[in-house]
PDB file of all heavy atoms in Angstrom:
ATOM      1  N   GLY A   1       0.789  -1.238  -0.003  1.00  0.00           N
ATOM      2  CA  GLY A   1      -0.005   0.022  -0.015  1.00  0.00           C
ATOM      3  C   GLY A   1       0.783   1.285  -0.006  1.00  0.00           C
ATOM      4  O   GLY A   1       0.304   2.332  -0.346  1.00  0.00           O
ATOM      5  N   GLY A   2       2.082   1.219   0.358  1.00  0.00           N
ATOM      6  CA  GLY A   2       2.853   2.457   0.473  1.00  0.00           C
ATOM      7  C   GLY A   2       4.214   2.338  -0.192  1.00  0.00           C
ATOM      8  O   GLY A   2       5.234   2.732   0.376  1.00  0.00           O
ATOM      9  N   ALA A   3       4.237   1.781  -1.389  1.00  0.00           N
ATOM     10  CA  ALA A   3       5.506   1.532  -2.087  1.00  0.00           C
ATOM     11  C   ALA A   3       6.127   2.855  -2.555  1.00  0.00           C
ATOM     12  O   ALA A   3       5.424   3.782  -2.956  1.00  0.00           O
ATOM     13  CB  ALA A   3       5.282   0.620  -3.252  1.00  0.00           C
ATOM     14  N   SER A   4       7.468   2.882  -2.546  1.00  0.00           N
ATOM     15  CA  SER A   4       8.220   4.016  -3.081  1.00  0.00           C
ATOM     16  C   SER A   4       8.498   3.784  -4.538  1.00  0.00           C
ATOM     17  O   SER A   4       8.286   2.684  -5.079  1.00  0.00           O
ATOM     18  CB  SER A   4       9.525   4.166  -2.296  1.00  0.00           C
ATOM     19  OG  SER A   4      10.349   3.020  -2.541  1.00  0.00           O
ATOM     20  N   ARG A   5       9.063   4.808  -5.225  1.00  0.00           N
ATOM     21  CA  ARG A   5       9.451   4.660  -6.592  1.00  0.00           C
ATOM     22  C   ARG A   5      10.470   3.573  -6.728  1.00  0.00           C
ATOM     23  O   ARG A   5      10.464   2.783  -7.705  1.00  0.00           O
ATOM     24  CB  ARG A   5      10.016   6.023  -7.106  1.00  0.00           C
ATOM     25  CG  ARG A   5      10.735   5.869  -8.442  1.00  0.00           C
ATOM     26  CD  ARG A   5      11.202   7.207  -8.962  1.00  0.00           C
ATOM     27  NE  ARG A   5      12.113   7.050 -10.067  1.00  0.00           N
ATOM     28  CZ  ARG A   5      12.554   8.005 -10.863  1.00  0.00           C
ATOM     29  NH1 ARG A   5      12.107   9.271 -10.671  1.00  0.00           N
ATOM     30  NH2 ARG A   5      13.369   7.781 -11.849  1.00  0.00           N
ATOM     31  N   GLU A   6      11.421   3.479  -5.791  1.00  0.00           N
ATOM     32  CA  GLU A   6      12.488   2.466  -5.876  1.00  0.00           C
ATOM     33  C   GLU A   6      11.874   1.060  -5.776  1.00  0.00           C
ATOM     34  O   GLU A   6      12.317   0.133  -6.461  1.00  0.00           O
ATOM     35  CB  GLU A   6      13.503   2.697  -4.732  1.00  0.00           C
ATOM     36  CG  GLU A   6      14.367   3.941  -4.905  1.00  0.00           C
ATOM     37  CD  GLU A   6      13.583   5.217  -4.615  1.00  0.00           C
ATOM     38  OE1 GLU A   6      12.565   5.204  -3.920  1.00  0.00           O
ATOM     39  OE2 GLU A   6      14.025   6.288  -5.153  1.00  0.00           O
ATOM     40  N   LYS A   7      10.882   0.925  -4.915  1.00  0.00           N
ATOM     41  CA  LYS A   7      10.254  -0.365  -4.709  1.00  0.00           C
ATOM     42  C   LYS A   7       9.482  -0.785  -6.010  1.00  0.00           C
ATOM     43  O   LYS A   7       9.557  -1.968  -6.399  1.00  0.00           O
ATOM     44  CB  LYS A   7       9.267  -0.305  -3.553  1.00  0.00           C
ATOM     45  CG  LYS A   7       8.733  -1.633  -3.031  1.00  0.00           C
ATOM     46  CD  LYS A   7       7.975  -1.423  -1.767  1.00  0.00           C
ATOM     47  CE  LYS A   7       7.428  -2.742  -1.234  1.00  0.00           C
ATOM     48  NZ  LYS A   7       6.671  -2.536   0.043  1.00  0.00           N
ATOM     49  N   VAL A   8       8.817   0.137  -6.609  1.00  0.00           N
ATOM     50  CA  VAL A   8       8.085  -0.170  -7.827  1.00  0.00           C
ATOM     51  C   VAL A   8       9.050  -0.496  -8.958  1.00  0.00           C
ATOM     52  O   VAL A   8       8.820  -1.451  -9.725  1.00  0.00           O
ATOM     53  CB  VAL A   8       7.227   1.047  -8.226  1.00  0.00           C
ATOM     54  CG1 VAL A   8       6.651   0.872  -9.605  1.00  0.00           C
ATOM     55  CG2 VAL A   8       6.114   1.273  -7.216  1.00  0.00           C
ATOM     56  N   THR A   9      10.159   0.211  -9.026  1.00  0.00           N
ATOM     57  CA  THR A   9      11.189  -0.070 -10.035  1.00  0.00           C
ATOM     58  C   THR A   9      11.733  -1.502  -9.844  1.00  0.00           C
ATOM     59  O   THR A   9      11.874  -2.238 -10.823  1.00  0.00           O
ATOM     60  CB  THR A   9      12.323   0.954  -9.969  1.00  0.00           C
ATOM     61  OG1 THR A   9      11.769   2.276 -10.116  1.00  0.00           O
ATOM     62  CG2 THR A   9      13.347   0.717 -11.048  1.00  0.00           C
ATOM     63  N   ALA A  10      12.018  -1.833  -8.623  1.00  0.00           N
ATOM     64  CA  ALA A  10      12.537  -3.193  -8.313  1.00  0.00           C
ATOM     65  C   ALA A  10      11.497  -4.271  -8.738  1.00  0.00           C
ATOM     66  O   ALA A  10      11.867  -5.295  -9.325  1.00  0.00           O
ATOM     67  CB  ALA A  10      12.887  -3.321  -6.834  1.00  0.00           C
ATOM     68  N   ALA A  11      10.237  -3.997  -8.413  1.00  0.00           N
ATOM     69  CA  ALA A  11       9.187  -4.946  -8.789  1.00  0.00           C
ATOM     70  C   ALA A  11       9.107  -5.170 -10.271  1.00  0.00           C
ATOM     71  O   ALA A  11       9.005  -6.303 -10.799  1.00  0.00           O
ATOM     72  CB  ALA A  11       7.843  -4.476  -8.249  1.00  0.00           C
ATOM     73  N   PHE A  12       9.201  -4.080 -11.022  1.00  0.00           N
ATOM     74  CA  PHE A  12       9.144  -4.138 -12.476  1.00  0.00           C
ATOM     75  C   PHE A  12      10.283  -4.964 -13.029  1.00  0.00           C
ATOM     76  O   PHE A  12      10.134  -5.763 -13.935  1.00  0.00           O
ATOM     77  CB  PHE A  12       9.161  -2.696 -13.043  1.00  0.00           C
ATOM     78  CG  PHE A  12       8.458  -2.544 -14.328  1.00  0.00           C
ATOM     79  CD1 PHE A  12       7.092  -2.496 -14.426  1.00  0.00           C
ATOM     80  CD2 PHE A  12       9.210  -2.441 -15.485  1.00  0.00           C
ATOM     81  CE1 PHE A  12       6.461  -2.351 -15.645  1.00  0.00           C
ATOM     82  CE2 PHE A  12       8.601  -2.256 -16.730  1.00  0.00           C
ATOM     83  CZ  PHE A  12       7.215  -2.247 -16.790  1.00  0.00           C
ATOM     84  N   LYS A  13      11.487  -4.738 -12.485  1.00  0.00           N
ATOM     85  CA  LYS A  13      12.664  -5.457 -12.964  1.00  0.00           C
ATOM     86  C   LYS A  13      12.576  -6.934 -12.680  1.00  0.00           C
ATOM     87  O   LYS A  13      12.982  -7.784 -13.489  1.00  0.00           O
ATOM     88  CB  LYS A  13      13.924  -4.849 -12.360  1.00  0.00           C
ATOM     89  CG  LYS A  13      14.266  -3.457 -12.886  1.00  0.00           C
ATOM     90  CD  LYS A  13      15.534  -2.955 -12.247  1.00  0.00           C
ATOM     91  CE  LYS A  13      15.924  -1.561 -12.810  1.00  0.00           C
ATOM     92  NZ  LYS A  13      17.152  -1.035 -12.218  1.00  0.00           N
ATOM     93  N   ILE A  14      12.019  -7.281 -11.506  1.00  0.00           N
ATOM     94  CA  ILE A  14      11.878  -8.699 -11.147  1.00  0.00           C
ATOM     95  C   ILE A  14      10.920  -9.432 -12.098  1.00  0.00           C
ATOM     96  O   ILE A  14      11.161 -10.541 -12.556  1.00  0.00           O
ATOM     97  CB  ILE A  14      11.342  -8.811  -9.693  1.00  0.00           C
ATOM     98  CG1 ILE A  14      12.483  -8.410  -8.704  1.00  0.00           C
ATOM     99  CG2 ILE A  14      10.910 -10.239  -9.387  1.00  0.00           C
ATOM    100  CD1 ILE A  14      12.035  -8.262  -7.256  1.00  0.00           C
ATOM    101  N   ILE A  15       9.840  -8.762 -12.476  1.00  0.00           N
ATOM    102  CA  ILE A  15       8.884  -9.341 -13.443  1.00  0.00           C
ATOM    103  C   ILE A  15       9.593  -9.591 -14.730  1.00  0.00           C
ATOM    104  O   ILE A  15       9.447 -10.671 -15.336  1.00  0.00           O
ATOM    105  CB  ILE A  15       7.680  -8.382 -13.674  1.00  0.00           C
ATOM    106  CG1 ILE A  15       6.834  -8.332 -12.403  1.00  0.00           C
ATOM    107  CG2 ILE A  15       6.856  -8.859 -14.829  1.00  0.00           C
ATOM    108  CD1 ILE A  15       5.707  -7.295 -12.459  1.00  0.00           C
ATOM    109  N   LEU A  16      10.382  -8.636 -15.210  1.00  0.00           N
ATOM    110  CA  LEU A  16      11.015  -8.743 -16.525  1.00  0.00           C
ATOM    111  C   LEU A  16      12.163  -9.723 -16.565  1.00  0.00           C
ATOM    112  O   LEU A  16      12.617 -10.100 -17.664  1.00  0.00           O
ATOM    113  CB  LEU A  16      11.469  -7.359 -16.978  1.00  0.00           C
ATOM    114  CG  LEU A  16      10.339  -6.404 -17.389  1.00  0.00           C
ATOM    115  CD1 LEU A  16      10.840  -5.003 -17.581  1.00  0.00           C
ATOM    116  CD2 LEU A  16       9.639  -6.928 -18.680  1.00  0.00           C
ATOM    117  N   LYS A  17      12.642 -10.145 -15.414  1.00  0.00           N
ATOM    118  CA  LYS A  17      13.731 -11.150 -15.393  1.00  0.00           C
ATOM    119  C   LYS A  17      13.202 -12.510 -15.782  1.00  0.00           C
ATOM    120  O   LYS A  17      13.991 -13.435 -16.108  1.00  0.00           O
ATOM    121  CB  LYS A  17      14.379 -11.210 -13.995  1.00  0.00           C
ATOM    122  CG  LYS A  17      15.326 -10.036 -13.729  1.00  0.00           C
ATOM    123  CD  LYS A  17      15.960 -10.186 -12.364  1.00  0.00           C
ATOM    124  CE  LYS A  17      16.903  -9.013 -12.082  1.00  0.00           C
ATOM    125  NZ  LYS A  17      17.510  -9.094 -10.742  1.00  0.00           N
ATOM    126  N   ASP A  18      11.878 -12.702 -15.701  1.00  0.00           N
ATOM    127  CA  ASP A  18      11.292 -13.987 -16.065  1.00  0.00           C
ATOM    128  C   ASP A  18      11.220 -14.081 -17.584  1.00  0.00           C
ATOM    129  O   ASP A  18      10.467 -13.330 -18.238  1.00  0.00           O
ATOM    130  CB  ASP A  18       9.896 -14.094 -15.477  1.00  0.00           C
ATOM    131  CG  ASP A  18       9.208 -15.420 -15.755  1.00  0.00           C
ATOM    132  OD1 ASP A  18       9.808 -16.246 -16.523  1.00  0.00           O
ATOM    133  OD2 ASP A  18       8.125 -15.670 -15.248  1.00  0.00           O
ATOM    134  N   PRO A  19      11.962 -14.980 -18.227  1.00  0.00           N
ATOM    135  CA  PRO A  19      11.955 -15.062 -19.713  1.00  0.00           C
ATOM    136  C   PRO A  19      10.603 -15.470 -20.277  1.00  0.00           C
ATOM    137  O   PRO A  19      10.372 -15.271 -21.491  1.00  0.00           O
ATOM    138  CB  PRO A  19      13.021 -16.136 -19.977  1.00  0.00           C
ATOM    139  CG  PRO A  19      13.116 -16.947 -18.736  1.00  0.00           C
ATOM    140  CD  PRO A  19      12.875 -15.979 -17.609  1.00  0.00           C
ATOM    141  N   ALA A  20       9.704 -16.016 -19.463  1.00  0.00           N
ATOM    142  CA  ALA A  20       8.410 -16.428 -19.962  1.00  0.00           C
ATOM    143  C   ALA A  20       7.453 -15.255 -20.156  1.00  0.00           C
ATOM    144  O   ALA A  20       6.442 -15.353 -20.818  1.00  0.00           O
ATOM    145  CB  ALA A  20       7.787 -17.428 -19.007  1.00  0.00           C
ATOM    146  N   VAL A  21       7.774 -14.082 -19.557  1.00  0.00           N
ATOM    147  CA  VAL A  21       6.913 -12.927 -19.618  1.00  0.00           C
ATOM    148  C   VAL A  21       6.907 -12.344 -20.988  1.00  0.00           C
ATOM    149  O   VAL A  21       7.943 -11.908 -21.507  1.00  0.00           O
ATOM    150  CB  VAL A  21       7.311 -11.855 -18.557  1.00  0.00           C
ATOM    151  CG1 VAL A  21       6.558 -10.565 -18.795  1.00  0.00           C
ATOM    152  CG2 VAL A  21       7.067 -12.371 -17.146  1.00  0.00           C
ATOM    153  N   GLU A  22       5.723 -12.280 -21.617  1.00  0.00           N
ATOM    154  CA  GLU A  22       5.544 -11.721 -22.967  1.00  0.00           C
ATOM    155  C   GLU A  22       4.733 -10.435 -22.928  1.00  0.00           C
ATOM    156  O   GLU A  22       4.525  -9.798 -24.008  1.00  0.00           O
ATOM    157  CB  GLU A  22       4.868 -12.753 -23.855  1.00  0.00           C
ATOM    158  CG  GLU A  22       5.674 -14.040 -24.036  1.00  0.00           C
ATOM    159  CD  GLU A  22       4.953 -15.065 -24.832  1.00  0.00           C
ATOM    160  OE1 GLU A  22       3.804 -14.832 -25.228  1.00  0.00           O
ATOM    161  OE2 GLU A  22       5.554 -16.149 -25.082  1.00  0.00           O
ATOM    162  N   GLY A  23       4.293 -10.031 -21.797  1.00  0.00           N
ATOM    163  CA  GLY A  23       3.527  -8.773 -21.637  1.00  0.00           C
ATOM    164  C   GLY A  23       3.326  -8.502 -20.168  1.00  0.00           C
ATOM    165  O   GLY A  23       3.423  -9.412 -19.343  1.00  0.00           O
ATOM    166  N   ILE A  24       3.045  -7.232 -19.837  1.00  0.00           N
ATOM    167  CA  ILE A  24       2.917  -6.872 -18.429  1.00  0.00           C
ATOM    168  C   ILE A  24       1.624  -6.049 -18.253  1.00  0.00           C
ATOM    169  O   ILE A  24       1.356  -5.141 -19.030  1.00  0.00           O
ATOM    170  CB  ILE A  24       4.099  -6.034 -17.950  1.00  0.00           C
ATOM    171  CG1 ILE A  24       5.364  -6.838 -18.050  1.00  0.00           C
ATOM    172  CG2 ILE A  24       3.890  -5.595 -16.443  1.00  0.00           C
ATOM    173  CD1 ILE A  24       6.648  -6.056 -17.692  1.00  0.00           C
ATOM    174  N   LEU A  25       0.899  -6.413 -17.196  1.00  0.00           N
ATOM    175  CA  LEU A  25      -0.298  -5.627 -16.819  1.00  0.00           C
ATOM    176  C   LEU A  25      -0.069  -5.025 -15.440  1.00  0.00           C
ATOM    177  O   LEU A  25       0.173  -5.768 -14.474  1.00  0.00           O
ATOM    178  CB  LEU A  25      -1.533  -6.539 -16.783  1.00  0.00           C
ATOM    179  CG  LEU A  25      -2.831  -5.915 -16.213  1.00  0.00           C
ATOM    180  CD1 LEU A  25      -3.210  -4.641 -16.990  1.00  0.00           C
ATOM    181  CD2 LEU A  25      -3.960  -6.915 -16.290  1.00  0.00           C
ATOM    182  N   VAL A  26      -0.101  -3.712 -15.347  1.00  0.00           N
ATOM    183  CA  VAL A  26      -0.012  -3.002 -14.082  1.00  0.00           C
ATOM    184  C   VAL A  26      -1.392  -2.515 -13.729  1.00  0.00           C
ATOM    185  O   VAL A  26      -2.033  -1.818 -14.505  1.00  0.00           O
ATOM    186  CB  VAL A  26       0.995  -1.813 -14.187  1.00  0.00           C
ATOM    187  CG1 VAL A  26       1.034  -1.072 -12.864  1.00  0.00           C
ATOM    188  CG2 VAL A  26       2.360  -2.297 -14.554  1.00  0.00           C
ATOM    189  N   ASN A  27      -1.858  -2.888 -12.547  1.00  0.00           N
ATOM    190  CA  ASN A  27      -3.192  -2.545 -12.093  1.00  0.00           C
ATOM    191  C   ASN A  27      -3.084  -1.915 -10.674  1.00  0.00           C
ATOM    192  O   ASN A  27      -2.870  -2.621  -9.720  1.00  0.00           O
ATOM    193  CB  ASN A  27      -4.097  -3.773 -12.067  1.00  0.00           C
ATOM    194  CG  ASN A  27      -5.493  -3.457 -11.659  1.00  0.00           C
ATOM    195  OD1 ASN A  27      -5.959  -2.326 -11.838  1.00  0.00           O
ATOM    196  ND2 ASN A  27      -6.207  -4.417 -11.112  1.00  0.00           N
ATOM    197  N   ILE A  28      -3.238  -0.606 -10.639  1.00  0.00           N
ATOM    198  CA  ILE A  28      -3.068   0.116  -9.362  1.00  0.00           C
ATOM    199  C   ILE A  28      -4.297   0.877  -9.015  1.00  0.00           C
ATOM    200  O   ILE A  28      -4.836   1.669  -9.804  1.00  0.00           O
ATOM    201  CB  ILE A  28      -1.861   1.103  -9.476  1.00  0.00           C
ATOM    202  CG1 ILE A  28      -0.564   0.344  -9.736  1.00  0.00           C
ATOM    203  CG2 ILE A  28      -1.754   1.894  -8.157  1.00  0.00           C
ATOM    204  CD1 ILE A  28      -0.142  -0.645  -8.683  1.00  0.00           C
ATOM    205  N   PHE A  29      -4.787   0.666  -7.761  1.00  0.00           N
ATOM    206  CA  PHE A  29      -5.844   1.484  -7.212  1.00  0.00           C
ATOM    207  C   PHE A  29      -5.219   2.309  -6.100  1.00  0.00           C
ATOM    208  O   PHE A  29      -4.869   1.797  -5.064  1.00  0.00           O
ATOM    209  CB  PHE A  29      -6.981   0.614  -6.670  1.00  0.00           C
ATOM    210  CG  PHE A  29      -8.205   1.412  -6.252  1.00  0.00           C
ATOM    211  CD1 PHE A  29      -9.166   1.755  -7.177  1.00  0.00           C
ATOM    212  CD2 PHE A  29      -8.332   1.851  -4.961  1.00  0.00           C
ATOM    213  CE1 PHE A  29     -10.276   2.518  -6.780  1.00  0.00           C
ATOM    214  CE2 PHE A  29      -9.431   2.605  -4.549  1.00  0.00           C
ATOM    215  CZ  PHE A  29     -10.387   2.933  -5.482  1.00  0.00           C
ATOM    216  N   GLY A  30      -5.083   3.598  -6.376  1.00  0.00           N
ATOM    217  CA  GLY A  30      -4.342   4.470  -5.460  1.00  0.00           C
ATOM    218  C   GLY A  30      -5.206   4.896  -4.277  1.00  0.00           C
ATOM    219  O   GLY A  30      -6.207   5.552  -4.426  1.00  0.00           O
ATOM    220  N   GLY A  31      -4.709   4.509  -3.093  1.00  0.00           N
ATOM    221  CA  GLY A  31      -5.263   5.036  -1.852  1.00  0.00           C
ATOM    222  C   GLY A  31      -4.125   5.697  -1.116  1.00  0.00           C
ATOM    223  O   GLY A  31      -3.766   6.853  -1.426  1.00  0.00           O
ATOM    224  N   ILE A  32      -3.457   4.970  -0.251  1.00  0.00           N
ATOM    225  CA  ILE A  32      -2.191   5.472   0.315  1.00  0.00           C
ATOM    226  C   ILE A  32      -1.171   5.521  -0.794  1.00  0.00           C
ATOM    227  O   ILE A  32      -0.384   6.456  -0.888  1.00  0.00           O
ATOM    228  CB  ILE A  32      -1.707   4.517   1.431  1.00  0.00           C
ATOM    229  CG1 ILE A  32      -2.753   4.475   2.580  1.00  0.00           C
ATOM    230  CG2 ILE A  32      -0.357   4.952   1.952  1.00  0.00           C
ATOM    231  CD1 ILE A  32      -2.459   3.459   3.637  1.00  0.00           C
ATOM    232  N   MET A  33      -1.174   4.508  -1.647  1.00  0.00           N
ATOM    233  CA  MET A  33      -0.305   4.465  -2.817  1.00  0.00           C
ATOM    234  C   MET A  33      -0.762   5.529  -3.799  1.00  0.00           C
ATOM    235  O   MET A  33      -1.922   5.567  -4.188  1.00  0.00           O
ATOM    236  CB  MET A  33      -0.349   3.083  -3.456  1.00  0.00           C
ATOM    237  CG  MET A  33       0.293   2.979  -4.815  1.00  0.00           C
ATOM    238  SD  MET A  33       2.021   3.189  -4.771  1.00  0.00           S
ATOM    239  CE  MET A  33       2.495   1.607  -4.084  1.00  0.00           C
ATOM    240  N   LYS A  34       0.175   6.355  -4.241  1.00  0.00           N
ATOM    241  CA  LYS A  34      -0.189   7.421  -5.198  1.00  0.00           C
ATOM    242  C   LYS A  34       0.143   6.974  -6.617  1.00  0.00           C
ATOM    243  O   LYS A  34       1.197   6.407  -6.897  1.00  0.00           O
ATOM    244  CB  LYS A  34       0.599   8.697  -4.858  1.00  0.00           C
ATOM    245  CG  LYS A  34       0.192   9.320  -3.509  1.00  0.00           C
ATOM    246  CD  LYS A  34       1.001  10.542  -3.215  1.00  0.00           C
ATOM    247  CE  LYS A  34       0.553  11.231  -1.922  1.00  0.00           C
ATOM    248  NZ  LYS A  34       0.724  10.347  -0.780  1.00  0.00           N
TER     249      LYS A  34
END
């Protein structure tokens, strides 16, 4: 709920390290998270 830019960047990179990933869906409902 309260991720920083650095945390989001790390999450994105972890997803892309998976060679099986052929597309990415980001779904964010901002409350505390902006």
